[in-house]
Protein backbone atom coordinates (compact mmCIF):
# COMPACT_ATOMS: atom_id res chain seq x y z
CA MET A 1 38.18 -0.44 -61.54
CA ALA A 2 40.53 1.82 -59.94
CA LYS A 3 41.96 -1.24 -58.29
CA SER A 4 42.76 -2.47 -61.45
CA ARG A 5 43.82 0.14 -63.34
CA LEU A 6 46.47 1.02 -59.83
CA GLY A 7 47.53 -2.94 -60.62
CA SER A 8 48.36 -2.10 -64.27
CA TRP A 9 50.16 1.38 -63.59
CA LEU A 10 52.46 -0.57 -60.69
CA ARG A 11 52.94 -3.16 -63.38
CA PHE A 12 53.86 -0.89 -66.59
CA ARG A 13 56.20 1.20 -63.33
CA ARG A 14 58.35 -2.03 -62.57
CA GLU A 15 58.65 -3.10 -66.11
CA SER A 16 59.91 0.25 -66.98
CA LEU A 17 62.35 0.44 -64.22
CA ARG A 18 63.74 -3.17 -64.60
CA LYS A 19 64.44 -2.35 -68.17
CA GLY A 20 65.42 1.00 -66.96
CA PHE A 21 68.09 -1.07 -64.65
CA TYR A 22 69.31 -3.59 -67.28
CA ARG A 23 70.08 -1.13 -69.77
CA LYS A 24 72.45 0.79 -66.99
CA ARG A 25 73.40 -2.36 -65.08
CA THR A 26 77.10 -2.04 -66.33
CA GLY A 27 77.49 1.51 -64.80
CA TYR A 28 75.57 0.23 -61.60
CA ILE A 29 78.11 -2.46 -61.28
CA LEU A 30 81.32 -0.46 -62.07
CA LEU A 31 79.91 1.91 -59.28
CA LEU A 32 79.11 -0.47 -56.62
CA ASN A 33 82.78 -2.26 -57.35
CA VAL A 34 84.43 1.12 -56.40
CA SER A 35 81.92 1.56 -53.23
CA ALA A 36 83.33 -2.09 -52.25
CA ILE A 37 86.87 -1.74 -52.72
CA ILE A 38 86.66 1.87 -50.74
CA LEU A 39 84.57 0.82 -47.68
CA PHE A 40 86.43 -2.64 -47.32
CA GLY A 41 90.15 -1.16 -48.24
CA ALA A 42 89.54 1.38 -45.62
CA LEU A 43 88.42 -1.36 -43.07
CA LEU A 44 91.19 -3.71 -43.87
CA VAL A 45 93.63 -0.16 -43.31
CA PHE A 46 91.99 0.51 -40.16
CA LEU A 47 92.31 -2.73 -38.27
CA PHE A 48 95.91 -2.87 -39.45
CA GLU A 49 97.03 0.51 -38.53
CA LYS A 50 94.18 1.92 -35.71
CA ARG A 51 96.94 0.55 -33.22
CA THR A 52 100.12 1.86 -34.13
CA ASN A 53 99.51 4.95 -36.58
CA PRO A 54 98.75 8.03 -35.02
CA ASP A 55 96.69 9.57 -38.34
CA ILE A 56 94.06 6.99 -38.21
CA LYS A 57 92.35 7.53 -35.48
CA SER A 58 89.04 5.96 -36.88
CA TYR A 59 87.56 4.37 -39.76
CA TRP A 60 86.43 7.58 -41.36
CA ASP A 61 90.19 8.78 -41.21
CA ALA A 62 91.16 4.97 -43.45
CA ILE A 63 88.43 5.86 -45.60
CA TYR A 64 89.38 9.62 -46.13
CA MET A 65 93.32 7.83 -46.99
CA ILE A 66 91.66 5.23 -49.42
CA ILE A 67 89.76 7.97 -51.47
CA ILE A 68 92.83 10.20 -51.88
CA THR A 69 94.80 7.21 -52.86
CA ILE A 70 92.30 6.11 -55.71
CA ALA A 71 92.70 9.56 -56.75
CA THR A 72 96.09 9.60 -57.31
CA VAL A 73 96.02 12.97 -55.03
CA GLY A 74 98.27 11.76 -52.70
CA TYR A 75 98.74 14.77 -49.85
CA GLY A 76 100.90 12.69 -47.76
CA ASP A 77 99.08 13.64 -44.42
CA ILE A 78 98.24 10.23 -43.65
CA THR A 79 100.61 7.51 -44.88
CA PRO A 80 100.05 3.32 -43.67
CA VAL A 81 102.77 2.61 -41.31
CA THR A 82 102.21 -1.37 -41.46
CA ALA A 83 103.06 -4.36 -43.88
CA GLY A 84 99.35 -5.18 -43.95
CA GLY A 85 98.43 -1.46 -44.71
CA ARG A 86 100.46 -0.92 -47.31
CA VAL A 87 99.62 -3.87 -48.81
CA THR A 88 96.14 -2.94 -48.66
CA VAL A 89 96.76 0.44 -49.96
CA VAL A 90 98.92 -1.05 -53.54
CA LEU A 91 96.36 -3.57 -53.60
CA VAL A 92 93.08 -0.89 -52.99
CA LEU A 93 95.16 1.99 -55.68
CA VAL A 94 95.17 -0.84 -58.22
CA LEU A 95 91.65 -2.11 -58.05
CA GLY A 96 90.05 1.37 -57.50
CA VAL A 97 92.28 3.43 -60.12
CA SER A 98 91.48 0.46 -62.64
CA THR A 99 87.48 0.33 -61.82
CA LEU A 100 86.84 3.90 -61.45
CA SER A 101 88.43 4.69 -64.69
CA ALA A 102 86.38 2.05 -66.32
CA PHE A 103 83.30 3.70 -64.80
CA ILE A 104 84.43 7.07 -66.11
CA THR A 105 85.09 5.86 -69.36
CA LEU A 106 81.52 4.15 -69.41
CA MET A 107 79.55 7.37 -68.53
CA ALA A 108 82.16 9.79 -71.13
CA THR A 109 81.24 7.08 -73.96
CA ARG A 110 77.41 7.18 -73.23
CA ARG A 111 77.37 11.00 -73.10
CA ALA A 112 79.30 10.66 -76.33
CA GLU A 113 77.01 8.40 -77.68
CA LYS A 114 73.82 10.15 -76.49
CA VAL A 115 75.48 13.67 -78.31
CA ARG A 116 75.97 11.80 -81.28
CA ARG A 117 72.40 10.21 -81.51
CA ARG A 118 71.08 13.79 -80.79
CA TYR A 119 73.21 15.23 -83.79
CA SER A 120 72.04 11.99 -86.03
CA GLY A 121 68.58 12.70 -84.82
CA LEU A 122 68.10 9.44 -83.52
CA GLN A 123 67.16 9.89 -79.86
CA ASP A 124 64.69 8.55 -77.59
CA LYS A 125 61.15 9.41 -77.65
CA LEU A 126 60.70 12.80 -76.75
CA LYS A 127 58.47 13.80 -74.10
CA SER A 128 57.70 17.58 -75.47
CA LYS A 129 54.17 19.10 -74.68
CA HIS A 130 52.54 22.04 -76.62
CA HIS A 131 55.36 22.35 -79.07
CA VAL A 132 55.94 23.10 -82.66
CA ILE A 133 56.62 20.31 -85.07
CA VAL A 134 58.47 21.30 -88.46
CA CYS A 135 57.86 18.52 -90.90
CA GLY A 136 60.14 18.25 -94.27
CA TRP A 137 63.19 19.73 -95.32
CA ASN A 138 63.73 22.81 -97.92
CA MET A 139 65.72 25.49 -99.02
CA SER A 140 63.16 27.62 -96.81
CA THR A 141 63.22 25.29 -93.63
CA HIS A 142 66.26 27.62 -92.52
CA TYR A 143 64.44 30.63 -92.64
CA VAL A 144 61.17 29.03 -90.88
CA LEU A 145 63.04 27.87 -87.88
CA ALA A 146 64.80 31.21 -87.36
CA ARG A 147 61.55 32.90 -87.15
CA LEU A 148 60.28 30.26 -84.78
CA LYS A 149 63.07 31.17 -82.72
CA GLU A 150 62.33 34.92 -82.66
CA GLU A 151 58.94 34.59 -82.17
CA LEU A 152 59.02 31.91 -79.24
CA SER A 153 61.83 33.25 -77.21
CA GLY A 154 61.01 33.45 -73.64
CA LYS A 155 58.29 31.41 -74.09
CA HIS A 156 59.51 28.43 -73.32
CA VAL A 157 58.55 26.71 -76.29
CA GLU A 158 60.00 23.96 -78.09
CA VAL A 159 60.73 23.56 -81.76
CA ILE A 160 60.89 19.93 -83.00
CA LEU A 161 62.06 19.56 -86.96
CA LEU A 162 61.54 16.08 -88.46
CA CYS A 163 62.94 15.24 -91.50
CA ASP A 164 64.96 12.28 -92.86
CA LEU A 165 67.93 13.74 -93.45
CA GLU A 166 71.84 11.41 -92.31
CA GLU A 167 72.84 14.92 -89.64
CA ASP A 168 71.16 17.43 -87.79
CA PRO A 169 71.34 20.53 -90.45
CA ILE A 170 70.55 23.07 -88.04
CA ASP A 171 73.31 23.83 -85.18
CA ASP A 172 71.08 25.16 -82.85
CA GLU A 173 70.34 24.43 -78.98
CA PHE A 174 66.71 26.26 -79.69
CA THR A 175 65.52 23.19 -82.33
CA PHE A 176 65.39 19.62 -81.54
CA PHE A 177 66.66 17.45 -84.42
CA VAL A 178 64.74 14.16 -85.25
CA ARG A 179 65.62 11.84 -88.32
CA GLY A 180 62.61 10.00 -89.41
CA ASP A 181 59.86 10.06 -91.82
CA PRO A 182 57.53 12.26 -91.56
CA THR A 183 54.83 10.40 -93.08
CA SER A 184 55.26 7.86 -90.94
CA ILE A 185 53.04 6.94 -87.85
CA GLU A 186 56.12 5.83 -85.63
CA ALA A 187 58.87 9.03 -86.42
CA LEU A 188 55.52 11.04 -85.63
CA GLU A 189 54.62 8.96 -82.47
CA SER A 190 58.42 9.92 -81.65
CA VAL A 191 57.87 13.64 -81.49
CA ASN A 192 54.93 13.13 -79.03
CA THR A 193 52.30 14.86 -82.18
CA ALA A 194 49.63 13.77 -79.96
CA GLU A 195 50.69 16.67 -77.57
CA ALA A 196 51.90 19.36 -80.05
CA LYS A 197 50.51 22.73 -80.49
CA SER A 198 51.07 22.98 -83.99
CA ALA A 199 52.31 21.55 -86.97
CA ILE A 200 54.04 23.31 -90.07
CA LEU A 201 54.56 20.58 -93.18
CA LEU A 202 56.94 22.11 -95.88
CA ALA A 203 57.52 20.84 -99.32
CA ASP A 204 59.44 17.97 -98.26
CA GLU A 205 62.71 18.21 -100.66
CA SER A 206 65.16 16.00 -98.92
CA LYS A 207 64.97 13.42 -101.30
CA GLU A 208 64.23 13.87 -105.18
CA ARG A 209 60.35 13.28 -105.96
CA SER A 210 58.21 15.31 -108.30
CA ASP A 211 56.18 18.23 -107.09
CA SER A 212 52.90 16.06 -106.75
CA ASP A 213 54.26 13.43 -105.33
CA THR A 214 55.71 16.06 -102.66
CA ASP A 215 52.40 17.08 -102.32
CA ALA A 216 50.90 13.60 -101.79
CA ARG A 217 53.56 13.27 -99.15
CA THR A 218 52.05 16.34 -97.64
CA VAL A 219 48.56 14.97 -97.57
CA LEU A 220 49.66 11.69 -95.85
CA CYS A 221 51.28 13.23 -93.43
CA ALA A 222 48.86 15.34 -92.28
CA LEU A 223 46.17 12.68 -92.19
CA ASN A 224 48.58 10.51 -89.71
CA ILE A 225 48.78 14.00 -87.84
CA LYS A 226 45.12 14.43 -87.45
CA GLN A 227 44.88 11.01 -86.90
CA LEU A 228 46.63 11.15 -83.55
CA ASN A 229 46.06 14.62 -82.70
CA PRO A 230 42.93 15.35 -84.17
CA GLY A 231 42.83 19.26 -82.55
CA ILE A 232 46.08 20.22 -83.57
CA GLU A 233 46.52 23.00 -86.27
CA ILE A 234 48.31 22.56 -89.42
CA THR A 235 50.13 24.93 -91.91
CA ALA A 236 51.41 23.58 -95.21
CA GLU A 237 53.27 24.44 -98.09
CA ALA A 238 51.88 23.59 -101.45
CA LEU A 239 53.80 23.10 -104.52
CA ARG A 240 50.61 22.76 -107.31
CA PRO A 241 47.66 24.77 -106.79
CA GLU A 242 45.35 21.57 -108.23
CA ASN A 243 46.71 19.85 -104.61
CA ILE A 244 45.42 22.51 -102.38
CA HIS A 245 41.74 20.73 -102.41
CA HIS A 246 43.18 17.75 -101.06
CA MET A 247 45.22 19.21 -98.59
CA LYS A 248 41.74 21.30 -97.43
CA LEU A 249 40.09 17.70 -97.22
CA VAL A 250 42.53 16.15 -94.30
CA GLY A 251 41.63 19.35 -92.74
CA ILE A 252 45.07 21.69 -92.97
CA ARG A 253 43.35 25.29 -92.45
CA GLU A 254 46.74 27.23 -93.33
CA ILE A 255 47.76 26.23 -97.30
CA LEU A 256 50.38 28.25 -98.91
CA ASP A 257 50.52 27.85 -103.01
CA VAL A 258 54.02 29.31 -103.86
CA THR A 259 53.76 29.28 -107.36
CA SER A 260 50.38 30.43 -107.24
CA PHE A 261 51.40 33.46 -104.62
CA MET A 262 54.32 34.21 -106.16
CA GLY A 263 53.38 34.69 -109.43
CA ASN A 264 50.37 36.90 -108.56
CA LEU A 265 52.54 38.77 -106.29
CA ILE A 266 54.89 39.58 -108.83
CA ALA A 267 52.30 40.70 -111.21
CA ARG A 268 50.29 42.99 -109.50
CA SER A 269 53.15 44.37 -107.96
CA ALA A 270 54.33 45.64 -111.25
CA LEU A 271 50.64 47.56 -111.22
CA HIS A 272 50.58 48.59 -107.48
CA TYR A 273 54.04 49.34 -107.27
CA GLY A 274 55.54 49.06 -103.60
CA LEU A 275 53.24 45.63 -103.05
CA ILE A 276 56.44 43.64 -102.60
CA SER A 277 57.69 45.91 -100.17
CA THR A 278 54.59 46.13 -97.91
CA VAL A 279 54.32 42.04 -97.79
CA SER A 280 57.63 41.77 -96.90
CA ASP A 281 57.35 44.16 -94.18
CA LEU A 282 54.38 42.44 -93.04
CA VAL A 283 55.63 39.21 -92.83
CA THR A 284 59.24 39.78 -91.79
CA ARG A 285 58.58 42.13 -89.25
CA GLU A 286 60.08 42.17 -85.63
CA ALA A 287 59.06 39.61 -82.90
CA GLY A 288 56.47 41.74 -80.67
CA LEU A 289 55.66 43.87 -83.31
CA ARG A 290 51.80 44.26 -84.93
CA SER A 291 50.34 45.61 -87.74
CA TYR A 292 47.62 48.57 -87.22
CA SER A 293 45.38 50.58 -89.79
CA LEU A 294 45.20 54.40 -89.11
CA PRO A 295 42.50 55.96 -90.98
CA ALA A 296 43.95 59.35 -92.26
CA SER A 297 42.85 61.98 -89.77
CA LYS A 298 42.24 65.59 -90.53
CA ASP A 299 45.47 66.92 -89.25
CA ARG A 300 47.06 64.12 -91.49
CA VAL A 301 45.64 65.14 -94.90
CA GLY A 302 47.66 67.02 -96.99
CA LYS A 303 50.96 66.23 -95.27
CA THR A 304 53.22 64.01 -97.40
CA ARG A 305 54.32 60.43 -96.75
CA GLU A 306 57.63 61.43 -95.39
CA GLU A 307 56.19 63.87 -93.27
CA VAL A 308 53.54 61.39 -91.65
CA GLU A 309 56.26 58.60 -91.87
CA THR A 310 58.53 60.34 -89.51
CA GLU A 311 55.67 61.70 -87.30
CA LEU A 312 54.78 58.14 -86.20
CA GLN A 313 58.14 57.22 -85.82
CA GLN A 314 59.09 59.78 -83.49
CA ASP A 315 55.85 59.68 -81.99
CA TYR A 316 55.15 55.90 -81.55
CA GLY A 317 58.05 53.98 -82.91
CA ALA A 318 55.75 53.14 -85.60
CA GLN A 319 57.18 51.74 -89.13
CA LEU A 320 54.72 53.02 -91.90
CA VAL A 321 54.35 50.22 -94.21
CA ALA A 322 51.64 51.41 -96.78
CA ILE A 323 48.71 53.99 -97.75
CA THR A 324 45.71 52.27 -98.79
CA TRP A 325 42.47 53.73 -100.36
CA ARG A 326 38.94 51.59 -101.37
CA ASP A 327 40.59 50.35 -104.88
CA GLY A 328 44.31 49.38 -103.02
CA LEU A 329 47.17 50.38 -102.71
CA ARG A 330 48.10 54.65 -102.90
CA PRO A 331 52.03 55.63 -104.41
CA SER A 332 55.18 54.63 -102.28
CA ASP A 333 57.20 57.59 -103.19
CA LEU A 334 57.71 60.05 -100.23
CA ASP A 335 56.60 62.90 -102.02
CA TYR A 336 52.63 61.51 -102.06
CA ARG A 337 50.13 63.74 -100.07
CA ILE A 338 47.57 61.89 -97.56
CA GLN A 339 44.27 62.28 -98.81
CA GLU A 340 40.68 61.82 -97.19
CA GLY A 341 39.82 58.13 -97.07
CA ASP A 342 43.10 57.07 -96.95
CA THR A 343 43.86 54.19 -94.46
CA ILE A 344 47.76 54.16 -93.26
CA ILE A 345 49.52 50.84 -92.50
CA VAL A 346 51.75 50.39 -89.80
CA ILE A 347 54.05 48.09 -87.87
CA SER A 348 54.76 48.90 -84.19
CA ALA A 349 54.79 47.47 -80.41
CA GLN A 350 52.60 49.48 -78.83
CA GLU A 351 48.69 50.43 -80.64
CA PRO A 352 48.96 54.17 -81.91
CA PRO A 353 45.93 56.33 -80.98
CA GLY A 354 42.96 55.87 -83.38
CA ALA A 355 44.31 52.41 -84.67
C-alpha cells in the first residue's frame, strides 16, 4: 500500500513538473540561449586575445568583457585588439542584446498578465489555508471587508472575495479577489474552500434578481460549501424572513434577517430611545475591544450617567454603551442617576474590576 502511494505521488510530481516546464519553456530556452552566447562568445574571445591582449589573462576576464558588452555598459577597461576578437564581440552584442531583450520582454509580459489576472480575479487556484471566504457582492460588502481587515490585522489570516464581477471592486492588498459564481463547485474549489476557516454569504446583488432568487442562491452556495468542507462555520444574510428556515436546514448557524432586524430595531428604538446607538457601538467598536457588563456597585448608585461614564473612561479607558435593568434599557440622557439593580454595559480593551 505504501509503495503504491509513493509511486502515485512520484507520477503526480513528474507530471506537474512536466506541465510546469512546458508552460515556461520559452523563458527557459531564451535564458539558455543567453547563457550559451555568453559562454561560447567568451571562449572565442579568450582564444583570440589571450596571447596579444594583456587585459585578458583568463577565461573569466573574457566572460566579464562579454557580460558588460551585452549589458551595453561598456566600461572600456577591457577591449578586443585582434580582428577575430572584435568580430566575436560584434556578433555577441547583436545576438546577446536581442535575445536578452526578448527574455526581459517575456518576463515583463508575464508579470503584467499575472497582475491583470489578479485584478480580474482570474488567477490560478489559491492555496490559502484557514482563510475567510466572502461570497457575493452588495452595498455592504465594502464595510464587511473593512471590518475583517481591522479585526484580522496582524493575525496572518487571508480574506478572499468570491463574486461574479468583471474587475476587482476592492483596491486593497489585504483582500484577494477571485472572479466566479459562488454557487459553482469549481469556483469554490478555486478558493480552496475545503481548508477555509469560515465563510460569509452576502445577498448577492452582482446581477439583477428577485429577493427570493437571491436567498435561493445563498442556500445553494451553502450546500456546495458544506459539501467541500462539512465543518466550516457559515454566516449568511437573508432578504426574506420565510427563507431563514431553509438556510438553517443546510447548516447555516448565523443568519442576519436584514428586513426584520432593521424594522424591529427602529420600532423598539422609538420605545427605548438609545437602542440604535447601543447596537451601533457594540458592532462598530474598534478591533481588540470587548463588551463587559458591570453590576451597579454601591459607590456608583446615585451618580449620574455622565459621572460614571467619565470615571470609567479615566480609570479603565472604557466606553459606557448602555445602562440596563430587568425591564430593558434605562434612559440614555446624561442626567440619569444610577439605581440599585442597574447593569452598566461598557466596551473596553481590558476587563474592568467586577465585570
